[in-house]
Each structure stands twice: as C-alpha cells, then as structure tokens.
Amino acid sequence: MDTRRLRIHGRVQGVWFRESMRREAERLEITGWVRNLPDGSVEAVVQGETGAVETLIAWSHHGPPLARVERVEVGPADGHFDRFEKRAHPES
C-alpha cells in the first residue's frame, strides 16, 4: 500500500476537480479523501497499490477539462481509509 498527500495548485476549485478525482479514485480502487483549501488549492490523501496511486497522481497534473493545474506537490502521508470521499472545507 502506498499513501501520499497531494496539494494541487491552479484553477482547481469550482471546476469539478474534487468530484472528478473521487470518480477517478474509485475507478482505480484508491481510498482516501479530497478537499478544497482556503487558498484556492485542493488537498488530497490517496492510498492504494503503488501503480494506481501513481496513475492518480499523473491524472492530478491535468484534472478535469475545466481545471488549469499549475503544479502538484506530492509527499508521504499516513492513515488507513475504507473509501474515497470528498471532505468539507477545513474552516467549515
């Protein structure tokens, strides 16, 4: 199992990024979560087989059609997840 934290920057809010990532994660059998951050970026923790995680990371570099990804930061993460979910804004 591989677990990574992603921070996606650019025009990634209001363009169906989170829902598109949730669908892609389910397709790849990845668990974890995704949420919008106050600075306009999107944060995600993804967990699954290494190849599937790498595929989702590659997808996050472009995202859905309306997104304009400028950069993706990737680092290690911890936790155990049963499904992939969209989470509320951390200040909600």
PDB file of N, CA and C in Angstrom:
ATOM      1  N   MET A   1       0.832  -1.190   0.000  1.00  0.00           N
ATOM      2  CA  MET A   1       0.000   0.000   0.000  1.00  0.00           C
ATOM      3  C   MET A   1       0.871   1.246   0.000  1.00  0.00           C
ATOM      4  N   ASP A   2       0.484   2.184  -0.793  1.00  0.00           N
ATOM      5  CA  ASP A   2       1.191   3.454  -0.899  1.00  0.00           C
ATOM      6  C   ASP A   2       0.213   4.554  -0.487  1.00  0.00           C
ATOM      7  N   THR A   3       0.660   5.470   0.372  1.00  0.00           N
ATOM      8  CA  THR A   3      -0.190   6.567   0.826  1.00  0.00           C
ATOM      9  C   THR A   3       0.539   7.873   0.591  1.00  0.00           C
ATOM     10  N   ARG A   4      -0.093   8.787  -0.144  1.00  0.00           N
ATOM     11  CA  ARG A   4       0.544  10.067  -0.482  1.00  0.00           C
ATOM     12  C   ARG A   4      -0.414  11.228  -0.226  1.00  0.00           C
ATOM     13  N   ARG A   5       0.162  12.372   0.111  1.00  0.00           N
ATOM     14  CA  ARG A   5      -0.583  13.621   0.241  1.00  0.00           C
ATOM     15  C   ARG A   5      -0.285  14.478  -0.981  1.00  0.00           C
ATOM     16  N   LEU A   6      -1.330  15.018  -1.596  1.00  0.00           N
ATOM     17  CA  LEU A   6      -1.188  15.859  -2.783  1.00  0.00           C
ATOM     18  C   LEU A   6      -1.725  17.250  -2.471  1.00  0.00           C
ATOM     19  N   ARG A   7      -1.058  18.243  -2.999  1.00  0.00           N
ATOM     20  CA  ARG A   7      -1.552  19.626  -2.941  1.00  0.00           C
ATOM     21  C   ARG A   7      -1.524  20.131  -4.373  1.00  0.00           C
ATOM     22  N   ILE A   8      -2.721  20.402  -4.919  1.00  0.00           N
ATOM     23  CA  ILE A   8      -2.847  20.771  -6.318  1.00  0.00           C
ATOM     24  C   ILE A   8      -3.151  22.261  -6.409  1.00  0.00           C
ATOM     25  N   HIS A   9      -2.336  22.994  -7.169  1.00  0.00           N
ATOM     26  CA  HIS A   9      -2.450  24.445  -7.296  1.00  0.00           C
ATOM     27  C   HIS A   9      -2.878  24.818  -8.709  1.00  0.00           C
ATOM     28  N   GLY A  10      -3.563  25.940  -8.832  1.00  0.00           N
ATOM     29  CA  GLY A  10      -4.014  26.448 -10.120  1.00  0.00           C
ATOM     30  C   GLY A  10      -5.497  26.751 -10.040  1.00  0.00           C
ATOM     31  N   ARG A  11      -6.175  26.690 -11.179  1.00  0.00           N
ATOM     32  CA  ARG A  11      -7.628  26.851 -11.182  1.00  0.00           C
ATOM     33  C   ARG A  11      -8.218  25.465 -10.971  1.00  0.00           C
ATOM     34  N   VAL A  12      -8.387  25.115  -9.699  1.00  0.00           N
ATOM     35  CA  VAL A  12      -8.811  23.756  -9.352  1.00  0.00           C
ATOM     36  C   VAL A  12     -10.056  23.731  -8.461  1.00  0.00           C
ATOM     37  N   GLN A  13     -10.579  24.892  -8.115  1.00  0.00           N
ATOM     38  CA  GLN A  13     -11.837  24.934  -7.372  1.00  0.00           C
ATOM     39  C   GLN A  13     -12.926  25.471  -8.286  1.00  0.00           C
ATOM     40  N   GLY A  14     -14.138  24.941  -8.122  1.00  0.00           N
ATOM     41  CA  GLY A  14     -15.250  25.373  -8.956  1.00  0.00           C
ATOM     42  C   GLY A  14     -15.227  24.797 -10.356  1.00  0.00           C
ATOM     43  N   VAL A  15     -14.427  23.758 -10.562  1.00  0.00           N
ATOM     44  CA  VAL A  15     -14.311  23.139 -11.888  1.00  0.00           C
ATOM     45  C   VAL A  15     -14.538  21.617 -11.819  1.00  0.00           C
ATOM     46  N   TRP A  16     -15.199  21.170 -10.768  1.00  0.00           N
ATOM     47  CA  TRP A  16     -15.487  19.752 -10.555  1.00  0.00           C
ATOM     48  C   TRP A  16     -14.244  18.903 -10.305  1.00  0.00           C
ATOM     49  N   PHE A  17     -13.183  19.519  -9.767  1.00  0.00           N
ATOM     50  CA  PHE A  17     -11.956  18.771  -9.526  1.00  0.00           C
ATOM     51  C   PHE A  17     -12.174  17.662  -8.495  1.00  0.00           C
ATOM     52  N   ARG A  18     -12.791  18.027  -7.354  1.00  0.00           N
ATOM     53  CA  ARG A  18     -12.961  17.025  -6.283  1.00  0.00           C
ATOM     54  C   ARG A  18     -13.825  15.851  -6.737  1.00  0.00           C
ATOM     55  N   GLU A  19     -14.959  16.129  -7.369  1.00  0.00           N
ATOM     56  CA  GLU A  19     -15.833  15.039  -7.816  1.00  0.00           C
ATOM     57  C   GLU A  19     -15.151  14.206  -8.893  1.00  0.00           C
ATOM     58  N   SER A  20     -14.445  14.841  -9.793  1.00  0.00           N
ATOM     59  CA  SER A  20     -13.722  14.102 -10.825  1.00  0.00           C
ATOM     60  C   SER A  20     -12.635  13.233 -10.213  1.00  0.00           C
ATOM     61  N   MET A  21     -11.933  13.748  -9.211  1.00  0.00           N
ATOM     62  CA  MET A  21     -10.900  12.953  -8.543  1.00  0.00           C
ATOM     63  C   MET A  21     -11.536  11.788  -7.791  1.00  0.00           C
ATOM     64  N   ARG A  22     -12.681  12.010  -7.149  1.00  0.00           N
ATOM     65  CA  ARG A  22     -13.363  10.933  -6.442  1.00  0.00           C
ATOM     66  C   ARG A  22     -13.721   9.809  -7.414  1.00  0.00           C
ATOM     67  N   ARG A  23     -14.252  10.156  -8.568  1.00  0.00           N
ATOM     68  CA  ARG A  23     -14.624   9.147  -9.563  1.00  0.00           C
ATOM     69  C   ARG A  23     -13.409   8.403 -10.092  1.00  0.00           C
ATOM     70  N   GLU A  24     -12.326   9.146 -10.351  1.00  0.00           N
ATOM     71  CA  GLU A  24     -11.094   8.508 -10.843  1.00  0.00           C
ATOM     72  C   GLU A  24     -10.511   7.589  -9.782  1.00  0.00           C
ATOM     73  N   ALA A  25     -10.537   8.027  -8.517  1.00  0.00           N
ATOM     74  CA  ALA A  25     -10.029   7.200  -7.416  1.00  0.00           C
ATOM     75  C   ALA A  25     -10.845   5.914  -7.292  1.00  0.00           C
ATOM     76  N   GLU A  26     -12.157   6.018  -7.375  1.00  0.00           N
ATOM     77  CA  GLU A  26     -12.989   4.813  -7.310  1.00  0.00           C
ATOM     78  C   GLU A  26     -12.688   3.874  -8.464  1.00  0.00           C
ATOM     79  N   ARG A  27     -12.500   4.425  -9.641  1.00  0.00           N
ATOM     80  CA  ARG A  27     -12.172   3.604 -10.810  1.00  0.00           C
ATOM     81  C   ARG A  27     -10.872   2.839 -10.593  1.00  0.00           C
ATOM     82  N   LEU A  28      -9.920   3.496  -9.926  1.00  0.00           N
ATOM     83  CA  LEU A  28      -8.598   2.899  -9.677  1.00  0.00           C
ATOM     84  C   LEU A  28      -8.534   2.113  -8.372  1.00  0.00           C
ATOM     85  N   GLU A  29      -9.671   2.034  -7.654  1.00  0.00           N
ATOM     86  CA  GLU A  29      -9.747   1.338  -6.361  1.00  0.00           C
ATOM     87  C   GLU A  29      -8.823   1.965  -5.331  1.00  0.00           C
ATOM     88  N   ILE A  30      -8.788   3.289  -5.313  1.00  0.00           N
ATOM     89  CA  ILE A  30      -7.992   4.059  -4.364  1.00  0.00           C
ATOM     90  C   ILE A  30      -8.909   4.592  -3.277  1.00  0.00           C
ATOM     91  N   THR A  31      -8.413   4.579  -2.039  1.00  0.00           N
ATOM     92  CA  THR A  31      -9.148   5.158  -0.923  1.00  0.00           C
ATOM     93  C   THR A  31      -8.469   6.453  -0.495  1.00  0.00           C
ATOM     94  N   GLY A  32      -9.147   7.221   0.380  1.00  0.00           N
ATOM     95  CA  GLY A  32      -8.585   8.468   0.893  1.00  0.00           C
ATOM     96  C   GLY A  32      -9.624   9.562   0.878  1.00  0.00           C
ATOM     97  N   TRP A  33      -9.195  10.781   0.606  1.00  0.00           N
ATOM     98  CA  TRP A  33     -10.107  11.927   0.612  1.00  0.00           C
ATOM     99  C   TRP A  33      -9.540  13.081  -0.190  1.00  0.00           C
ATOM    100  N   VAL A  34     -10.412  14.060  -0.506  1.00  0.00           N
ATOM    101  CA  VAL A  34     -10.021  15.266  -1.217  1.00  0.00           C
ATOM    102  C   VAL A  34     -10.849  16.423  -0.666  1.00  0.00           C
ATOM    103  N   ARG A  35     -10.242  17.611  -0.577  1.00  0.00           N
ATOM    104  CA  ARG A  35     -10.963  18.785  -0.088  1.00  0.00           C
ATOM    105  C   ARG A  35     -10.355  20.056  -0.666  1.00  0.00           C
ATOM    106  N   ASN A  36     -11.180  21.120  -0.710  1.00  0.00           N
ATOM    107  CA  ASN A  36     -10.707  22.440  -1.094  1.00  0.00           C
ATOM    108  C   ASN A  36     -10.040  23.096   0.105  1.00  0.00           C
ATOM    109  N   LEU A  37      -9.029  23.918  -0.151  1.00  0.00           N
ATOM    110  CA  LEU A  37      -8.374  24.686   0.906  1.00  0.00           C
ATOM    111  C   LEU A  37      -8.660  26.172   0.719  1.00  0.00           C
ATOM    112  N   PRO A  38      -8.545  26.951   1.802  1.00  0.00           N
ATOM    113  CA  PRO A  38      -8.869  28.377   1.740  1.00  0.00           C
ATOM    114  C   PRO A  38      -8.062  29.168   0.716  1.00  0.00           C
ATOM    115  N   ASP A  39      -6.853  28.721   0.392  1.00  0.00           N
ATOM    116  CA  ASP A  39      -6.010  29.468  -0.551  1.00  0.00           C
ATOM    117  C   ASP A  39      -6.337  29.185  -2.018  1.00  0.00           C
ATOM    118  N   GLY A  40      -7.366  28.379  -2.276  1.00  0.00           N
ATOM    119  CA  GLY A  40      -7.753  28.063  -3.644  1.00  0.00           C
ATOM    120  C   GLY A  40      -7.171  26.778  -4.183  1.00  0.00           C
ATOM    121  N   SER A  41      -6.315  26.130  -3.416  1.00  0.00           N
ATOM    122  CA  SER A  41      -5.748  24.851  -3.847  1.00  0.00           C
ATOM    123  C   SER A  41      -6.654  23.703  -3.393  1.00  0.00           C
ATOM    124  N   VAL A  42      -6.312  22.503  -3.836  1.00  0.00           N
ATOM    125  CA  VAL A  42      -7.018  21.290  -3.449  1.00  0.00           C
ATOM    126  C   VAL A  42      -6.001  20.376  -2.772  1.00  0.00           C
ATOM    127  N   GLU A  43      -6.404  19.753  -1.669  1.00  0.00           N
ATOM    128  CA  GLU A  43      -5.560  18.806  -0.951  1.00  0.00           C
ATOM    129  C   GLU A  43      -6.208  17.433  -1.009  1.00  0.00           C
ATOM    130  N   ALA A  44      -5.391  16.408  -1.153  1.00  0.00           N
ATOM    131  CA  ALA A  44      -5.907  15.041  -1.179  1.00  0.00           C
ATOM    132  C   ALA A  44      -4.916  14.107  -0.506  1.00  0.00           C
ATOM    133  N   VAL A  45      -5.440  13.067   0.116  1.00  0.00           N
ATOM    134  CA  VAL A  45      -4.633  11.945   0.583  1.00  0.00           C
ATOM    135  C   VAL A  45      -5.152  10.730  -0.169  1.00  0.00           C
ATOM    136  N   VAL A  46      -4.252  10.049  -0.846  1.00  0.00           N
ATOM    137  CA  VAL A  46      -4.630   8.908  -1.675  1.00  0.00           C
ATOM    138  C   VAL A  46      -3.876   7.668  -1.221  1.00  0.00           C
ATOM    139  N   GLN A  47      -4.581   6.526  -1.210  1.00  0.00           N
ATOM    140  CA  GLN A  47      -3.986   5.287  -0.722  1.00  0.00           C
ATOM    141  C   GLN A  47      -4.419   4.127  -1.608  1.00  0.00           C
ATOM    142  N   GLY A  48      -3.450   3.313  -1.981  1.00  0.00           N
ATOM    143  CA  GLY A  48      -3.753   2.145  -2.801  1.00  0.00           C
ATOM    144  C   GLY A  48      -2.477   1.495  -3.290  1.00  0.00           C
ATOM    145  N   GLU A  49      -2.648   0.612  -4.256  1.00  0.00           N
ATOM    146  CA  GLU A  49      -1.484  -0.022  -4.865  1.00  0.00           C
ATOM    147  C   GLU A  49      -0.638   1.055  -5.538  1.00  0.00           C
ATOM    148  N   THR A  50       0.672   0.900  -5.488  1.00  0.00           N
ATOM    149  CA  THR A  50       1.583   1.931  -5.984  1.00  0.00           C
ATOM    150  C   THR A  50       1.275   2.353  -7.412  1.00  0.00           C
ATOM    151  N   GLY A  51       1.024   1.425  -8.302  1.00  0.00           N
ATOM    152  CA  GLY A  51       0.734   1.768  -9.689  1.00  0.00           C
ATOM    153  C   GLY A  51      -0.524   2.606  -9.821  1.00  0.00           C
ATOM    154  N   ALA A  52      -1.556   2.265  -9.051  1.00  0.00           N
ATOM    155  CA  ALA A  52      -2.812   3.020  -9.086  1.00  0.00           C
ATOM    156  C   ALA A  52      -2.609   4.422  -8.524  1.00  0.00           C
ATOM    157  N   VAL A  53      -1.845   4.528  -7.440  1.00  0.00           N
ATOM    158  CA  VAL A  53      -1.563   5.836  -6.845  1.00  0.00           C
ATOM    159  C   VAL A  53      -0.790   6.701  -7.838  1.00  0.00           C
ATOM    160  N   GLU A  54       0.199   6.136  -8.496  1.00  0.00           N
ATOM    161  CA  GLU A  54       0.969   6.885  -9.486  1.00  0.00           C
ATOM    162  C   GLU A  54       0.074   7.336 -10.652  1.00  0.00           C
ATOM    163  N   THR A  55      -0.877   6.501 -11.045  1.00  0.00           N
ATOM    164  CA  THR A  55      -1.808   6.872 -12.116  1.00  0.00           C
ATOM    165  C   THR A  55      -2.675   8.044 -11.683  1.00  0.00           C
ATOM    166  N   LEU A  56      -3.172   8.037 -10.439  1.00  0.00           N
ATOM    167  CA  LEU A  56      -3.991   9.141  -9.951  1.00  0.00           C
ATOM    168  C   LEU A  56      -3.164  10.418  -9.804  1.00  0.00           C
ATOM    169  N   ILE A  57      -1.916  10.293  -9.388  1.00  0.00           N
ATOM    170  CA  ILE A  57      -1.039  11.471  -9.305  1.00  0.00           C
ATOM    171  C   ILE A  57      -0.842  12.058 -10.700  1.00  0.00           C
ATOM    172  N   ALA A  58      -0.610  11.207 -11.686  1.00  0.00           N
ATOM    173  CA  ALA A  58      -0.458  11.690 -13.066  1.00  0.00           C
ATOM    174  C   ALA A  58      -1.739  12.378 -13.524  1.00  0.00           C
ATOM    175  N   TRP A  59      -2.908  11.809 -13.204  1.00  0.00           N
ATOM    176  CA  TRP A  59      -4.184  12.434 -13.553  1.00  0.00           C
ATOM    177  C   TRP A  59      -4.308  13.814 -12.913  1.00  0.00           C
ATOM    178  N   SER A  60      -3.845  13.954 -11.669  1.00  0.00           N
ATOM    179  CA  SER A  60      -3.990  15.223 -10.939  1.00  0.00           C
ATOM    180  C   SER A  60      -3.186  16.356 -11.567  1.00  0.00           C
ATOM    181  N   HIS A  61      -2.227  16.051 -12.413  1.00  0.00           N
ATOM    182  CA  HIS A  61      -1.450  17.090 -13.086  1.00  0.00           C
ATOM    183  C   HIS A  61      -2.250  17.807 -14.179  1.00  0.00           C
ATOM    184  N   HIS A  62      -3.396  17.238 -14.565  1.00  0.00           N
ATOM    185  CA  HIS A  62      -4.270  17.934 -15.530  1.00  0.00           C
ATOM    186  C   HIS A  62      -5.696  18.030 -15.013  1.00  0.00           C
ATOM    187  N   GLY A  63      -6.186  17.030 -14.281  1.00  0.00           N
ATOM    188  CA  GLY A  63      -7.527  17.070 -13.716  1.00  0.00           C
ATOM    189  C   GLY A  63      -8.617  17.064 -14.769  1.00  0.00           C
ATOM    190  N   PRO A  64      -9.826  17.520 -14.391  1.00  0.00           N
ATOM    191  CA  PRO A  64     -10.943  17.545 -15.327  1.00  0.00           C
ATOM    192  C   PRO A  64     -10.757  18.632 -16.388  1.00  0.00           C
ATOM    193  N   PRO A  65     -11.586  18.626 -17.427  1.00  0.00           N
ATOM    194  CA  PRO A  65     -11.392  19.551 -18.564  1.00  0.00           C
ATOM    195  C   PRO A  65     -11.324  21.034 -18.202  1.00  0.00           C
ATOM    196  N   LEU A  66     -12.091  21.510 -17.237  1.00  0.00           N
ATOM    197  CA  LEU A  66     -12.092  22.936 -16.914  1.00  0.00           C
ATOM    198  C   LEU A  66     -10.951  23.369 -15.985  1.00  0.00           C
ATOM    199  N   ALA A  67     -10.244  22.420 -15.410  1.00  0.00           N
ATOM    200  CA  ALA A  67      -9.144  22.745 -14.490  1.00  0.00           C
ATOM    201  C   ALA A  67      -7.922  23.235 -15.257  1.00  0.00           C
ATOM    202  N   ARG A  68      -7.130  24.066 -14.604  1.00  0.00           N
ATOM    203  CA  ARG A  68      -5.839  24.515 -15.125  1.00  0.00           C
ATOM    204  C   ARG A  68      -4.827  24.335 -14.013  1.00  0.00           C
ATOM    205  N   VAL A  69      -4.206  23.159 -13.982  1.00  0.00           N
ATOM    206  CA  VAL A  69      -3.274  22.821 -12.913  1.00  0.00           C
ATOM    207  C   VAL A  69      -1.932  23.481 -13.190  1.00  0.00           C
ATOM    208  N   GLU A  70      -1.425  24.230 -12.206  1.00  0.00           N
ATOM    209  CA  GLU A  70      -0.119  24.875 -12.312  1.00  0.00           C
ATOM    210  C   GLU A  70       0.986  23.998 -11.749  1.00  0.00           C
ATOM    211  N   ARG A  71       0.710  23.371 -10.615  1.00  0.00           N
ATOM    212  CA  ARG A  71       1.707  22.458 -10.033  1.00  0.00           C
ATOM    213  C   ARG A  71       1.045  21.527  -9.034  1.00  0.00           C
ATOM    214  N   VAL A  72       1.702  20.386  -8.804  1.00  0.00           N
ATOM    215  CA  VAL A  72       1.235  19.396  -7.846  1.00  0.00           C
ATOM    216  C   VAL A  72       2.393  19.063  -6.916  1.00  0.00           C
ATOM    217  N   GLU A  73       2.171  19.258  -5.630  1.00  0.00           N
ATOM    218  CA  GLU A  73       3.148  18.866  -4.620  1.00  0.00           C
ATOM    219  C   GLU A  73       2.741  17.486  -4.095  1.00  0.00           C
ATOM    220  N   VAL A  74       3.707  16.575  -3.998  1.00  0.00           N
ATOM    221  CA  VAL A  74       3.424  15.211  -3.560  1.00  0.00           C
ATOM    222  C   VAL A  74       4.372  14.871  -2.420  1.00  0.00           C
ATOM    223  N   GLY A  75       3.813  14.309  -1.343  1.00  0.00           N
ATOM    224  CA  GLY A  75       4.624  13.895  -0.212  1.00  0.00           C
ATOM    225  C   GLY A  75       4.021  12.674   0.446  1.00  0.00           C
ATOM    226  N   PRO A  76       4.701  12.128   1.447  1.00  0.00           N
ATOM    227  CA  PRO A  76       4.184  10.958   2.147  1.00  0.00           C
ATOM    228  C   PRO A  76       3.007  11.339   3.050  1.00  0.00           C
ATOM    229  N   ALA A  77       2.201  10.351   3.384  1.00  0.00           N
ATOM    230  CA  ALA A  77       1.067  10.560   4.288  1.00  0.00           C
ATOM    231  C   ALA A  77       0.830   9.279   5.077  1.00  0.00           C
ATOM    232  N   ASP A  78       0.073   9.410   6.144  1.00  0.00           N
ATOM    233  CA  ASP A  78      -0.283   8.273   6.998  1.00  0.00           C
ATOM    234  C   ASP A  78      -1.790   8.108   7.017  1.00  0.00           C
ATOM    235  N   GLY A  79      -2.232   7.007   7.566  1.00  0.00           N
ATOM    236  CA  GLY A  79      -3.655   6.768   7.758  1.00  0.00           C
ATOM    237  C   GLY A  79      -4.104   5.498   7.073  1.00  0.00           C
ATOM    238  N   HIS A  80      -5.336   5.126   7.371  1.00  0.00           N
ATOM    239  CA  HIS A  80      -5.977   3.976   6.730  1.00  0.00           C
ATOM    240  C   HIS A  80      -7.391   4.397   6.368  1.00  0.00           C
ATOM    241  N   PHE A  81      -7.797   4.134   5.146  1.00  0.00           N
ATOM    242  CA  PHE A  81      -9.077   4.614   4.636  1.00  0.00           C
ATOM    243  C   PHE A  81      -9.861   3.467   4.022  1.00  0.00           C
ATOM    244  N   ASP A  82     -11.178   3.491   4.222  1.00  0.00           N
ATOM    245  CA  ASP A  82     -12.047   2.437   3.703  1.00  0.00           C
ATOM    246  C   ASP A  82     -12.662   2.787   2.359  1.00  0.00           C
ATOM    247  N   ARG A  83     -12.700   4.086   2.022  1.00  0.00           N
ATOM    248  CA  ARG A  83     -13.303   4.547   0.782  1.00  0.00           C
ATOM    249  C   ARG A  83     -12.677   5.882   0.422  1.00  0.00           C
ATOM    250  N   PHE A  84     -13.062   6.443  -0.706  1.00  0.00           N
ATOM    251  CA  PHE A  84     -12.585   7.755  -1.102  1.00  0.00           C
ATOM    252  C   PHE A  84     -13.743   8.727  -0.960  1.00  0.00           C
ATOM    253  N   GLU A  85     -13.509   9.852  -0.259  1.00  0.00           N
ATOM    254  CA  GLU A  85     -14.591  10.800  -0.014  1.00  0.00           C
ATOM    255  C   GLU A  85     -14.167  12.230  -0.253  1.00  0.00           C
ATOM    256  N   LYS A  86     -15.165  13.055  -0.586  1.00  0.00           N
ATOM    257  CA  LYS A  86     -14.960  14.489  -0.664  1.00  0.00           C
ATOM    258  C   LYS A  86     -15.191  15.023   0.743  1.00  0.00           C
ATOM    259  N   ARG A  87     -14.252  15.794   1.238  1.00  0.00           N
ATOM    260  CA  ARG A  87     -14.398  16.366   2.564  1.00  0.00           C
ATOM    261  C   ARG A  87     -14.732  17.840   2.465  1.00  0.00           C
ATOM    262  N   ALA A  88     -15.325  18.333   3.557  1.00  0.00           N
ATOM    263  CA  ALA A  88     -15.679  19.757   3.628  1.00  0.00           C
ATOM    264  C   ALA A  88     -14.423  20.596   3.762  1.00  0.00           C
ATOM    265  N   HIS A  89     -14.566  21.843   3.376  1.00  0.00           N
ATOM    266  CA  HIS A  89     -13.514  22.856   3.555  1.00  0.00           C
ATOM    267  C   HIS A  89     -13.070  22.815   5.014  1.00  0.00           C
ATOM    268  N   PRO A  90     -11.766  22.880   5.336  1.00  0.00           N
ATOM    269  CA  PRO A  90     -11.299  22.749   6.712  1.00  0.00           C
ATOM    270  C   PRO A  90     -11.804  23.841   7.654  1.00  0.00           C
ATOM    271  N   GLU A  91     -12.286  24.951   7.125  1.00  0.00           N
ATOM    272  CA  GLU A  91     -12.800  26.013   8.001  1.00  0.00           C
ATOM    273  C   GLU A  91     -14.313  25.976   8.108  1.00  0.00           C
ATOM    274  N   SER A  92     -14.941  24.916   7.561  1.00  0.00           N
ATOM    275  CA  SER A  92     -16.412  24.800   7.603  1.00  0.00           C
ATOM    276  C   SER A  92     -16.850  24.255   8.932  1.00  0.00           C
TER     277      SER A  92
END
